[in-house]
Amino acid sequence: MINVFAGNPLDRAANQRREPAWLGDRLREPGTRFLLLWKLNALATDTDKPEIAWQPATVVAPFLGDDSKCVFLGLDGGAARFAIDVSRASEDDAPPFTEHGRFGEVRALGSLVPLAEAGIIAQARALIDWHNRHTHCAVCGAPTIAVEGGYQRNCKAPACAAQHFPRTDPVVITLIRRPGVCLLGRSARFPTDLYSCLAGFMEPGESIEEAVRREVLEECGIAVGAVRYHSSQPWPFPASLMIGCIGEGESEQIERDPIEIEDANWFTRAQVINALNGGDPETGLKIPPSLAIAHQLIRWWVDDEA
């Protein structure tokens, strides 16, 4: 199973992109295409089944230069693919380039475009967002410059010369189960009746299993035994990696942390099946959409319990 935002088919050409001359040649090739991002929204075709609206260099020429935020995404059958930030194309809230497509919010596009293209859009959004946030050195405060196709920023100050790399923040997200039931929780920011798997950022010096057990114990007071990996999902909001797990609950009494969790309950398979079909009439339970790895973990549990 491939989760949405995974399955990126591009060859990232990590060795070749180190060479400025190689990248320069790729920028000039007639088959090179660009994915445009405006305020972190991606340009897609304005159709019932949208796809990435790849553009040639002639369209983005005004945005190429030393101060541009342009990143190399990879090779598609030998043809180069780049992402470029065109946010300065308009100073108001009116999106530019409407003659070429429509800018869409990446979460929404993720479940509309082909699966492989969702992965490309996730890569582009995460990288452009990182460049927007890291224009200056975290060590000395001097300006930084992008190198290696946008996968590194170097401090311009000779006395510092620190190197900075895009970060990915690991998050454990876990379906906790006991015989016939699974544990789901909701935070205050969720829509009414929406419950999901428990999740939290990993901490330094922590294994995946340890993070799962800590998060579940902190949020719901449930002891967790065996933990096993299910699948993962890039989540470019701004730059997380969701590590999906299945955990075996060793206790039943819920003692929730009111700061983290507004409510948590054990739900039966029948209740969850109703939620998958639109909502449980008894509890009103709703679960995250299929875009989210939480949905896939919950669906796996329903199938495994059959």
C-alpha atoms as a PDB file:
ATOM      1  CA  MET A   1       0.000   0.000   0.000  1.00  0.00           C
ATOM      2  CA  ILE A   2       1.246   3.494  -0.889  1.00  0.00           C
ATOM      3  CA  ASN A   3      -0.079   6.381   1.187  1.00  0.00           C
ATOM      4  CA  VAL A   4      -0.949   9.726  -0.394  1.00  0.00           C
ATOM      5  CA  PHE A   5       2.178  11.919  -0.811  1.00  0.00           C
ATOM      6  CA  ALA A   6       4.366   8.808  -1.014  1.00  0.00           C
ATOM      7  CA  GLY A   7       5.218   7.035  -4.279  1.00  0.00           C
ATOM      8  CA  ASN A   8       7.194   9.877  -5.884  1.00  0.00           C
ATOM      9  CA  PRO A   9       8.499   8.408  -9.176  1.00  0.00           C
ATOM     10  CA  LEU A  10      11.216  10.967  -9.957  1.00  0.00           C
ATOM     11  CA  ASP A  11      14.899  10.069  -9.994  1.00  0.00           C
ATOM     12  CA  ARG A  12      16.307  12.652  -7.581  1.00  0.00           C
ATOM     13  CA  ALA A  13      19.783  12.374  -9.187  1.00  0.00           C
ATOM     14  CA  ALA A  14      21.480  13.175  -5.879  1.00  0.00           C
ATOM     15  CA  ASN A  15      24.989  12.734  -7.257  1.00  0.00           C
ATOM     16  CA  GLN A  16      24.512  14.770 -10.429  1.00  0.00           C
ATOM     17  CA  ARG A  17      22.749  17.689  -8.737  1.00  0.00           C
ATOM     18  CA  ARG A  18      25.948  18.483  -6.813  1.00  0.00           C
ATOM     19  CA  GLU A  19      27.431  19.902 -10.010  1.00  0.00           C
ATOM     20  CA  PRO A  20      26.365  23.485 -10.859  1.00  0.00           C
ATOM     21  CA  ALA A  21      27.241  22.971 -14.528  1.00  0.00           C
ATOM     22  CA  TRP A  22      25.023  19.894 -14.742  1.00  0.00           C
ATOM     23  CA  LEU A  23      22.117  21.773 -13.167  1.00  0.00           C
ATOM     24  CA  GLY A  24      22.668  24.704 -15.509  1.00  0.00           C
ATOM     25  CA  ASP A  25      22.474  22.400 -18.509  1.00  0.00           C
ATOM     26  CA  ARG A  26      19.228  20.913 -17.211  1.00  0.00           C
ATOM     27  CA  LEU A  27      17.689  24.381 -16.824  1.00  0.00           C
ATOM     28  CA  ARG A  28      18.424  25.126 -20.485  1.00  0.00           C
ATOM     29  CA  GLU A  29      17.136  21.893 -21.983  1.00  0.00           C
ATOM     30  CA  PRO A  30      13.921  22.263 -24.030  1.00  0.00           C
ATOM     31  CA  GLY A  31      12.272  19.298 -22.283  1.00  0.00           C
ATOM     32  CA  THR A  32      12.708  20.751 -18.792  1.00  0.00           C
ATOM     33  CA  ARG A  33       9.485  21.608 -16.980  1.00  0.00           C
ATOM     34  CA  PHE A  34       8.617  23.573 -13.832  1.00  0.00           C
ATOM     35  CA  LEU A  35       6.027  23.105 -11.109  1.00  0.00           C
ATOM     36  CA  LEU A  36       4.860  26.549  -9.989  1.00  0.00           C
ATOM     37  CA  LEU A  37       4.098  27.278  -6.343  1.00  0.00           C
ATOM     38  CA  TRP A  38       2.322  30.455  -5.288  1.00  0.00           C
ATOM     39  CA  LYS A  39       2.026  30.962  -1.535  1.00  0.00           C
ATOM     40  CA  LEU A  40       2.758  27.213  -1.239  1.00  0.00           C
ATOM     41  CA  ASN A  41      -0.211  26.343  -3.460  1.00  0.00           C
ATOM     42  CA  ALA A  42       0.643  24.195  -6.491  1.00  0.00           C
ATOM     43  CA  LEU A  43      -0.385  24.922 -10.079  1.00  0.00           C
ATOM     44  CA  ALA A  44      -2.612  22.161 -11.495  1.00  0.00           C
ATOM     45  CA  THR A  45      -4.757  21.840 -14.574  1.00  0.00           C
ATOM     46  CA  ASP A  46      -8.227  23.338 -14.157  1.00  0.00           C
ATOM     47  CA  THR A  47     -10.070  20.106 -14.979  1.00  0.00           C
ATOM     48  CA  ASP A  48     -12.330  17.582 -13.263  1.00  0.00           C
ATOM     49  CA  LYS A  49      -9.297  15.305 -12.837  1.00  0.00           C
ATOM     50  CA  PRO A  50      -6.453  17.745 -12.234  1.00  0.00           C
ATOM     51  CA  GLU A  51      -2.803  17.010 -12.890  1.00  0.00           C
ATOM     52  CA  ILE A  52       0.349  19.035 -12.347  1.00  0.00           C
ATOM     53  CA  ALA A  53       0.356  21.908 -14.845  1.00  0.00           C
ATOM     54  CA  TRP A  54       4.027  21.635 -15.795  1.00  0.00           C
ATOM     55  CA  GLN A  55       5.372  24.791 -17.447  1.00  0.00           C
ATOM     56  CA  PRO A  56       8.356  25.403 -19.765  1.00  0.00           C
ATOM     57  CA  ALA A  57      11.239  27.720 -18.904  1.00  0.00           C
ATOM     58  CA  THR A  58       9.739  30.522 -21.014  1.00  0.00           C
ATOM     59  CA  VAL A  59       6.880  30.913 -18.528  1.00  0.00           C
ATOM     60  CA  VAL A  60       9.092  31.121 -15.428  1.00  0.00           C
ATOM     61  CA  ALA A  61      12.020  33.040 -16.955  1.00  0.00           C
ATOM     62  CA  PRO A  62      11.286  36.215 -14.905  1.00  0.00           C
ATOM     63  CA  PHE A  63      11.616  34.176 -11.698  1.00  0.00           C
ATOM     64  CA  LEU A  64      14.942  32.510 -12.502  1.00  0.00           C
ATOM     65  CA  GLY A  65      18.054  34.153 -11.123  1.00  0.00           C
ATOM     66  CA  ASP A  66      20.395  34.338  -8.176  1.00  0.00           C
ATOM     67  CA  ASP A  67      17.626  35.300  -5.739  1.00  0.00           C
ATOM     68  CA  SER A  68      15.073  32.775  -7.019  1.00  0.00           C
ATOM     69  CA  LYS A  69      13.669  29.942  -4.969  1.00  0.00           C
ATOM     70  CA  CYS A  70      14.010  27.197  -7.547  1.00  0.00           C
ATOM     71  CA  VAL A  71      14.692  23.585  -6.538  1.00  0.00           C
ATOM     72  CA  PHE A  72      15.548  20.552  -8.599  1.00  0.00           C
ATOM     73  CA  LEU A  73      12.967  17.818  -8.075  1.00  0.00           C
ATOM     74  CA  GLY A  74      14.465  15.076 -10.238  1.00  0.00           C
ATOM     75  CA  LEU A  75      14.457  13.428 -13.624  1.00  0.00           C
ATOM     76  CA  ASP A  76      11.401  12.044 -15.362  1.00  0.00           C
ATOM     77  CA  GLY A  77      12.670   9.692 -18.037  1.00  0.00           C
ATOM     78  CA  GLY A  78      15.753  11.866 -18.396  1.00  0.00           C
ATOM     79  CA  ALA A  79      13.864  15.165 -18.524  1.00  0.00           C
ATOM     80  CA  ALA A  80      14.492  17.539 -15.626  1.00  0.00           C
ATOM     81  CA  ARG A  81      11.723  18.677 -13.304  1.00  0.00           C
ATOM     82  CA  PHE A  82      12.027  21.735 -11.068  1.00  0.00           C
ATOM     83  CA  ALA A  83       9.784  23.548  -8.590  1.00  0.00           C
ATOM     84  CA  ILE A  84       9.833  27.333  -8.440  1.00  0.00           C
ATOM     85  CA  ASP A  85       8.270  29.861  -6.082  1.00  0.00           C
ATOM     86  CA  VAL A  86       6.323  32.508  -8.020  1.00  0.00           C
ATOM     87  CA  SER A  87       4.728  34.155  -4.986  1.00  0.00           C
ATOM     88  CA  ARG A  88       6.114  37.571  -5.953  1.00  0.00           C
ATOM     89  CA  ALA A  89       4.130  37.421  -9.215  1.00  0.00           C
ATOM     90  CA  SER A  90       1.253  39.183  -7.454  1.00  0.00           C
ATOM     91  CA  GLU A  91       1.260  41.363  -4.375  1.00  0.00           C
ATOM     92  CA  ASP A  92      -2.436  40.865  -3.632  1.00  0.00           C
ATOM     93  CA  ASP A  93      -4.473  37.697  -3.088  1.00  0.00           C
ATOM     94  CA  ALA A  94      -5.243  37.226  -6.767  1.00  0.00           C
ATOM     95  CA  PRO A  95      -3.430  34.141  -8.066  1.00  0.00           C
ATOM     96  CA  PRO A  96      -1.286  34.630 -11.184  1.00  0.00           C
ATOM     97  CA  PHE A  97      -0.908  32.400 -14.247  1.00  0.00           C
ATOM     98  CA  THR A  98      -4.633  31.659 -14.451  1.00  0.00           C
ATOM     99  CA  GLU A  99      -4.214  31.061 -18.182  1.00  0.00           C
ATOM    100  CA  HIS A 100      -2.066  28.018 -17.374  1.00  0.00           C
ATOM    101  CA  GLY A 101      -4.165  26.366 -14.658  1.00  0.00           C
ATOM    102  CA  ARG A 102      -5.362  26.849 -11.111  1.00  0.00           C
ATOM    103  CA  PHE A 103      -3.371  27.034  -7.892  1.00  0.00           C
ATOM    104  CA  GLY A 104      -4.662  24.496  -5.383  1.00  0.00           C
ATOM    105  CA  GLU A 105      -4.014  23.912  -1.699  1.00  0.00           C
ATOM    106  CA  VAL A 106      -1.734  20.886  -1.463  1.00  0.00           C
ATOM    107  CA  ARG A 107      -3.902  18.915   0.989  1.00  0.00           C
ATOM    108  CA  ALA A 108      -6.846  19.205  -1.368  1.00  0.00           C
ATOM    109  CA  LEU A 109      -4.785  18.376  -4.447  1.00  0.00           C
ATOM    110  CA  GLY A 110      -3.312  15.313  -2.734  1.00  0.00           C
ATOM    111  CA  SER A 111      -6.505  13.335  -3.129  1.00  0.00           C
ATOM    112  CA  LEU A 112      -7.336  14.719  -6.594  1.00  0.00           C
ATOM    113  CA  VAL A 113      -4.169  14.375  -8.672  1.00  0.00           C
ATOM    114  CA  PRO A 114      -2.647  10.998  -9.620  1.00  0.00           C
ATOM    115  CA  LEU A 115      -0.908   9.346  -6.673  1.00  0.00           C
ATOM    116  CA  ALA A 116       2.579   9.708  -8.155  1.00  0.00           C
ATOM    117  CA  GLU A 117       2.038  13.433  -8.754  1.00  0.00           C
ATOM    118  CA  ALA A 118       0.890  13.944  -5.168  1.00  0.00           C
ATOM    119  CA  GLY A 119       4.324  12.763  -4.071  1.00  0.00           C
ATOM    120  CA  ILE A 120       6.014  15.266  -6.382  1.00  0.00           C
ATOM    121  CA  ILE A 121       3.846  18.100  -5.070  1.00  0.00           C
ATOM    122  CA  ALA A 122       4.696  17.116  -1.485  1.00  0.00           C
ATOM    123  CA  GLN A 123       8.409  17.210  -2.291  1.00  0.00           C
ATOM    124  CA  ALA A 124       8.064  20.627  -3.940  1.00  0.00           C
ATOM    125  CA  ARG A 125       6.023  22.191  -1.140  1.00  0.00           C
ATOM    126  CA  ALA A 126       8.320  20.954   1.617  1.00  0.00           C
ATOM    127  CA  LEU A 127      11.459  22.218  -0.130  1.00  0.00           C
ATOM    128  CA  ILE A 128      10.109  25.638  -1.122  1.00  0.00           C
ATOM    129  CA  ASP A 129       8.731  26.154   2.390  1.00  0.00           C
ATOM    130  CA  TRP A 130      12.116  25.251   3.871  1.00  0.00           C
ATOM    131  CA  HIS A 131      13.879  27.809   1.673  1.00  0.00           C
ATOM    132  CA  ASN A 132      11.358  30.475   2.662  1.00  0.00           C
ATOM    133  CA  ARG A 133      12.094  29.803   6.339  1.00  0.00           C
ATOM    134  CA  HIS A 134      15.893  29.533   6.136  1.00  0.00           C
ATOM    135  CA  THR A 135      17.181  32.565   4.288  1.00  0.00           C
ATOM    136  CA  HIS A 136      19.601  33.274   7.147  1.00  0.00           C
ATOM    137  CA  CYS A 137      22.110  31.156   9.020  1.00  0.00           C
ATOM    138  CA  ALA A 138      20.916  29.635  12.285  1.00  0.00           C
ATOM    139  CA  VAL A 139      24.497  29.798  13.617  1.00  0.00           C
ATOM    140  CA  CYS A 140      25.552  33.391  12.957  1.00  0.00           C
ATOM    141  CA  GLY A 141      22.554  35.111  11.333  1.00  0.00           C
ATOM    142  CA  ALA A 142      24.251  35.889   8.015  1.00  0.00           C
ATOM    143  CA  PRO A 143      22.415  35.327   4.717  1.00  0.00           C
ATOM    144  CA  THR A 144      22.531  31.844   3.186  1.00  0.00           C
ATOM    145  CA  ILE A 145      22.661  30.672  -0.410  1.00  0.00           C
ATOM    146  CA  ALA A 146      21.068  27.576  -1.969  1.00  0.00           C
ATOM    147  CA  VAL A 147      23.373  24.911  -3.435  1.00  0.00           C
ATOM    148  CA  GLU A 148      23.069  21.345  -4.740  1.00  0.00           C
ATOM    149  CA  GLY A 149      19.826  22.030  -6.527  1.00  0.00           C
ATOM    150  CA  GLY A 150      18.153  23.380  -3.414  1.00  0.00           C
ATOM    151  CA  TYR A 151      18.959  20.526  -1.021  1.00  0.00           C
ATOM    152  CA  GLN A 152      21.453  22.562   0.966  1.00  0.00           C
ATOM    153  CA  ARG A 153      21.948  26.167   2.057  1.00  0.00           C
ATOM    154  CA  ASN A 154      25.380  27.501   2.929  1.00  0.00           C
ATOM    155  CA  CYS A 155      26.177  30.469   5.125  1.00  0.00           C
ATOM    156  CA  LYS A 156      27.740  33.298   3.115  1.00  0.00           C
ATOM    157  CA  ALA A 157      29.916  34.482   6.018  1.00  0.00           C
ATOM    158  CA  PRO A 158      33.447  33.082   5.435  1.00  0.00           C
ATOM    159  CA  ALA A 159      34.124  32.894   9.162  1.00  0.00           C
ATOM    160  CA  CYS A 160      31.061  30.691   9.633  1.00  0.00           C
ATOM    161  CA  ALA A 161      30.384  28.761   6.390  1.00  0.00           C
ATOM    162  CA  ALA A 162      27.817  26.587   8.152  1.00  0.00           C
ATOM    163  CA  GLN A 163      25.880  24.106   6.027  1.00  0.00           C
ATOM    164  CA  HIS A 164      22.138  23.689   6.484  1.00  0.00           C
ATOM    165  CA  PHE A 165      19.936  20.880   5.176  1.00  0.00           C
ATOM    166  CA  PRO A 166      16.168  20.421   4.837  1.00  0.00           C
ATOM    167  CA  ARG A 167      14.725  18.918   7.983  1.00  0.00           C
ATOM    168  CA  THR A 168      12.166  16.172   8.269  1.00  0.00           C
ATOM    169  CA  ASP A 169      10.390  15.810  11.616  1.00  0.00           C
ATOM    170  CA  PRO A 170       9.409  12.218  12.482  1.00  0.00           C
ATOM    171  CA  VAL A 171       5.947  11.723  13.963  1.00  0.00           C
ATOM    172  CA  VAL A 172       4.616   8.418  15.303  1.00  0.00           C
ATOM    173  CA  ILE A 173       0.925   7.786  14.645  1.00  0.00           C
ATOM    174  CA  THR A 174      -0.517   4.637  16.115  1.00  0.00           C
ATOM    175  CA  LEU A 175      -3.639   2.513  16.026  1.00  0.00           C
ATOM    176  CA  ILE A 176      -3.922   1.014  19.525  1.00  0.00           C
ATOM    177  CA  ARG A 177      -6.050  -2.116  19.722  1.00  0.00           C
ATOM    178  CA  ARG A 178      -7.445  -4.548  22.232  1.00  0.00           C
ATOM    179  CA  PRO A 179      -9.658  -7.543  21.469  1.00  0.00           C
ATOM    180  CA  GLY A 180     -12.584  -6.242  19.416  1.00  0.00           C
ATOM    181  CA  VAL A 181     -11.894  -2.535  19.976  1.00  0.00           C
ATOM    182  CA  CYS A 182      -9.467   0.213  18.951  1.00  0.00           C
ATOM    183  CA  LEU A 183      -8.489   3.420  20.715  1.00  0.00           C
ATOM    184  CA  LEU A 184      -9.202   6.725  18.981  1.00  0.00           C
ATOM    185  CA  GLY A 185      -8.921  10.262  20.300  1.00  0.00           C
ATOM    186  CA  ARG A 186      -9.826  13.799  19.312  1.00  0.00           C
ATOM    187  CA  SER A 187      -8.129  17.107  19.972  1.00  0.00           C
ATOM    188  CA  ALA A 188      -9.949  20.380  20.449  1.00  0.00           C
ATOM    189  CA  ARG A 189      -8.934  21.522  16.953  1.00  0.00           C
ATOM    190  CA  PHE A 190     -10.746  18.591  15.274  1.00  0.00           C
ATOM    191  CA  PRO A 191     -14.221  19.015  13.767  1.00  0.00           C
ATOM    192  CA  THR A 192     -17.071  17.716  15.917  1.00  0.00           C
ATOM    193  CA  ASP A 193     -17.174  13.906  16.275  1.00  0.00           C
ATOM    194  CA  LEU A 194     -13.912  13.394  14.338  1.00  0.00           C
ATOM    195  CA  TYR A 195     -11.622  10.895  16.051  1.00  0.00           C
ATOM    196  CA  SER A 196      -8.228   9.714  14.889  1.00  0.00           C
ATOM    197  CA  CYS A 197      -5.206   7.649  15.852  1.00  0.00           C
ATOM    198  CA  LEU A 198      -2.934   9.023  18.552  1.00  0.00           C
ATOM    199  CA  ALA A 199       0.138  10.823  17.262  1.00  0.00           C
ATOM    200  CA  GLY A 200       3.096  12.836  18.449  1.00  0.00           C
ATOM    201  CA  PHE A 201       6.580  13.995  17.520  1.00  0.00           C
ATOM    202  CA  MET A 202       9.496  11.758  18.348  1.00  0.00           C
ATOM    203  CA  GLU A 203      12.016  13.136  20.819  1.00  0.00           C
ATOM    204  CA  PRO A 204      15.834  12.991  20.675  1.00  0.00           C
ATOM    205  CA  GLY A 205      17.303   9.663  21.738  1.00  0.00           C
ATOM    206  CA  GLU A 206      14.004   7.820  21.294  1.00  0.00           C
ATOM    207  CA  SER A 207      13.168   4.759  19.217  1.00  0.00           C
ATOM    208  CA  ILE A 208       9.910   4.461  17.305  1.00  0.00           C
ATOM    209  CA  GLU A 209       8.584   1.919  19.793  1.00  0.00           C
ATOM    210  CA  GLU A 210       9.535   4.092  22.763  1.00  0.00           C
ATOM    211  CA  ALA A 211       7.878   7.124  21.191  1.00  0.00           C
ATOM    212  CA  VAL A 212       4.641   5.194  20.616  1.00  0.00           C
ATOM    213  CA  ARG A 213       4.513   3.972  24.207  1.00  0.00           C
ATOM    214  CA  ARG A 214       5.330   7.395  25.636  1.00  0.00           C
ATOM    215  CA  GLU A 215       2.793   9.296  23.525  1.00  0.00           C
ATOM    216  CA  VAL A 216      -0.086   6.899  24.220  1.00  0.00           C
ATOM    217  CA  LEU A 217       0.693   6.772  27.945  1.00  0.00           C
ATOM    218  CA  GLU A 218       0.963  10.575  28.151  1.00  0.00           C
ATOM    219  CA  GLU A 219      -2.182  11.293  26.176  1.00  0.00           C
ATOM    220  CA  CYS A 220      -4.504   8.519  27.361  1.00  0.00           C
ATOM    221  CA  GLY A 221      -2.819   6.690  30.241  1.00  0.00           C
ATOM    222  CA  ILE A 222      -2.849   3.416  28.278  1.00  0.00           C
ATOM    223  CA  ALA A 223       0.117   1.052  28.607  1.00  0.00           C
ATOM    224  CA  VAL A 224       1.276  -0.332  25.253  1.00  0.00           C
ATOM    225  CA  GLY A 225       3.012  -3.658  24.710  1.00  0.00           C
ATOM    226  CA  ALA A 226       4.098  -4.857  21.297  1.00  0.00           C
ATOM    227  CA  VAL A 227       4.494  -2.206  18.603  1.00  0.00           C
ATOM    228  CA  ARG A 228       4.946  -2.932  14.930  1.00  0.00           C
ATOM    229  CA  TYR A 229       5.462  -0.786  11.877  1.00  0.00           C
ATOM    230  CA  HIS A 230       2.678  -0.466   9.305  1.00  0.00           C
ATOM    231  CA  SER A 231       3.643   2.195   6.731  1.00  0.00           C
ATOM    232  CA  SER A 232       4.791   5.796   6.444  1.00  0.00           C
ATOM    233  CA  GLN A 233       3.605   9.018   4.833  1.00  0.00           C
ATOM    234  CA  PRO A 234       5.430  12.234   3.942  1.00  0.00           C
ATOM    235  CA  TRP A 235       3.357  15.097   5.337  1.00  0.00           C
ATOM    236  CA  PRO A 236       4.625  18.409   3.948  1.00  0.00           C
ATOM    237  CA  PHE A 237       2.857  20.728   6.426  1.00  0.00           C
ATOM    238  CA  PRO A 238       5.541  21.822   6.826  1.00  0.00           C
ATOM    239  CA  ALA A 239       7.923  18.832   6.810  1.00  0.00           C
ATOM    240  CA  SER A 240       6.910  15.743   8.777  1.00  0.00           C
ATOM    241  CA  LEU A 241       7.257  12.028   8.186  1.00  0.00           C
ATOM    242  CA  MET A 242       4.287  10.152   9.635  1.00  0.00           C
ATOM    243  CA  ILE A 243       5.415   6.735  10.895  1.00  0.00           C
ATOM    244  CA  GLY A 244       2.333   4.554  11.085  1.00  0.00           C
ATOM    245  CA  CYS A 245       2.299   1.816  13.728  1.00  0.00           C
ATOM    246  CA  ILE A 246       0.025  -0.772  15.301  1.00  0.00           C
ATOM    247  CA  GLY A 247       0.232  -1.059  19.086  1.00  0.00           C
ATOM    248  CA  GLU A 248      -1.206  -3.608  21.496  1.00  0.00           C
ATOM    249  CA  GLY A 249      -3.005  -1.989  24.426  1.00  0.00           C
ATOM    250  CA  GLU A 250      -2.170  -3.621  27.763  1.00  0.00           C
ATOM    251  CA  SER A 251      -4.579  -1.581  29.859  1.00  0.00           C
ATOM    252  CA  GLU A 252      -8.118  -0.316  29.304  1.00  0.00           C
ATOM    253  CA  GLN A 253      -8.820   2.569  31.677  1.00  0.00           C
ATOM    254  CA  ILE A 254      -8.408   5.865  29.824  1.00  0.00           C
ATOM    255  CA  GLU A 255      -6.847   8.753  31.730  1.00  0.00           C
ATOM    256  CA  ARG A 256      -6.572  11.478  29.118  1.00  0.00           C
ATOM    257  CA  ASP A 257      -4.361  14.541  29.212  1.00  0.00           C
ATOM    258  CA  PRO A 258      -6.867  17.401  28.777  1.00  0.00           C
ATOM    259  CA  ILE A 259      -4.195  19.616  27.237  1.00  0.00           C
ATOM    260  CA  GLU A 260      -3.489  17.138  24.444  1.00  0.00           C
ATOM    261  CA  ILE A 261      -6.776  15.243  24.087  1.00  0.00           C
ATOM    262  CA  GLU A 262     -10.325  16.559  24.330  1.00  0.00           C
ATOM    263  CA  ASP A 263     -11.776  13.042  24.338  1.00  0.00           C
ATOM    264  CA  ALA A 264     -10.734   9.425  23.760  1.00  0.00           C
ATOM    265  CA  ASN A 265     -12.684   6.194  23.614  1.00  0.00           C
ATOM    266  CA  TRP A 266     -12.500   2.549  22.667  1.00  0.00           C
ATOM    267  CA  PHE A 267     -14.617   1.890  19.584  1.00  0.00           C
ATOM    268  CA  THR A 268     -15.941  -1.427  18.314  1.00  0.00           C
ATOM    269  CA  ARG A 269     -15.365  -2.730  14.806  1.00  0.00           C
ATOM    270  CA  ALA A 270     -19.047  -2.191  13.954  1.00  0.00           C
ATOM    271  CA  GLN A 271     -18.853   1.454  15.034  1.00  0.00           C
ATOM    272  CA  VAL A 272     -15.715   2.017  12.984  1.00  0.00           C
ATOM    273  CA  ILE A 273     -17.232   0.339   9.912  1.00  0.00           C
ATOM    274  CA  ASN A 274     -20.195   2.711  10.189  1.00  0.00           C
ATOM    275  CA  ALA A 275     -17.752   5.627  10.427  1.00  0.00           C
ATOM    276  CA  LEU A 276     -15.961   4.434   7.296  1.00  0.00           C
ATOM    277  CA  ASN A 277     -19.337   4.458   5.560  1.00  0.00           C
ATOM    278  CA  GLY A 278     -20.116   8.033   6.554  1.00  0.00           C
ATOM    279  CA  GLY A 279     -20.732   8.094  10.300  1.00  0.00           C
ATOM    280  CA  ASP A 280     -21.873   5.884  13.156  1.00  0.00           C
ATOM    281  CA  PRO A 281     -25.537   6.567  14.085  1.00  0.00           C
ATOM    282  CA  GLU A 282     -24.984   5.614  17.746  1.00  0.00           C
ATOM    283  CA  THR A 283     -21.840   7.623  18.528  1.00  0.00           C
ATOM    284  CA  GLY A 284     -21.649  10.066  15.613  1.00  0.00           C
ATOM    285  CA  LEU A 285     -18.108   8.825  15.107  1.00  0.00           C
ATOM    286  CA  LYS A 286     -16.265  10.173  12.071  1.00  0.00           C
ATOM    287  CA  ILE A 287     -12.724   9.326  11.039  1.00  0.00           C
ATOM    288  CA  PRO A 288     -10.127  11.151   8.914  1.00  0.00           C
ATOM    289  CA  PRO A 289     -10.457  11.000   5.107  1.00  0.00           C
ATOM    290  CA  SER A 290      -8.551   8.515   2.992  1.00  0.00           C
ATOM    291  CA  LEU A 291      -5.835  11.124   2.355  1.00  0.00           C
ATOM    292  CA  ALA A 292      -4.568  10.616   5.910  1.00  0.00           C
ATOM    293  CA  ILE A 293      -2.470   7.680   7.076  1.00  0.00           C
ATOM    294  CA  ALA A 294      -4.767   7.495  10.133  1.00  0.00           C
ATOM    295  CA  HIS A 295      -7.587   6.424   7.805  1.00  0.00           C
ATOM    296  CA  GLN A 296      -5.424   3.658   6.368  1.00  0.00           C
ATOM    297  CA  LEU A 297      -4.413   2.392   9.820  1.00  0.00           C
ATOM    298  CA  ILE A 298      -8.050   2.309  10.906  1.00  0.00           C
ATOM    299  CA  ARG A 299      -9.141   0.545   7.719  1.00  0.00           C
ATOM    300  CA  TRP A 300      -6.344  -2.019   8.153  1.00  0.00           C
ATOM    301  CA  TRP A 301      -7.606  -2.783  11.669  1.00  0.00           C
ATOM    302  CA  VAL A 302     -11.171  -3.286  10.434  1.00  0.00           C
ATOM    303  CA  ASP A 303      -9.935  -5.745   7.785  1.00  0.00           C
ATOM    304  CA  ASP A 304      -7.613  -7.524  10.221  1.00  0.00           C
ATOM    305  CA  GLU A 305     -10.411  -7.995  12.744  1.00  0.00           C
ATOM    306  CA  ALA A 306     -12.693  -9.637  10.168  1.00  0.00           C
END
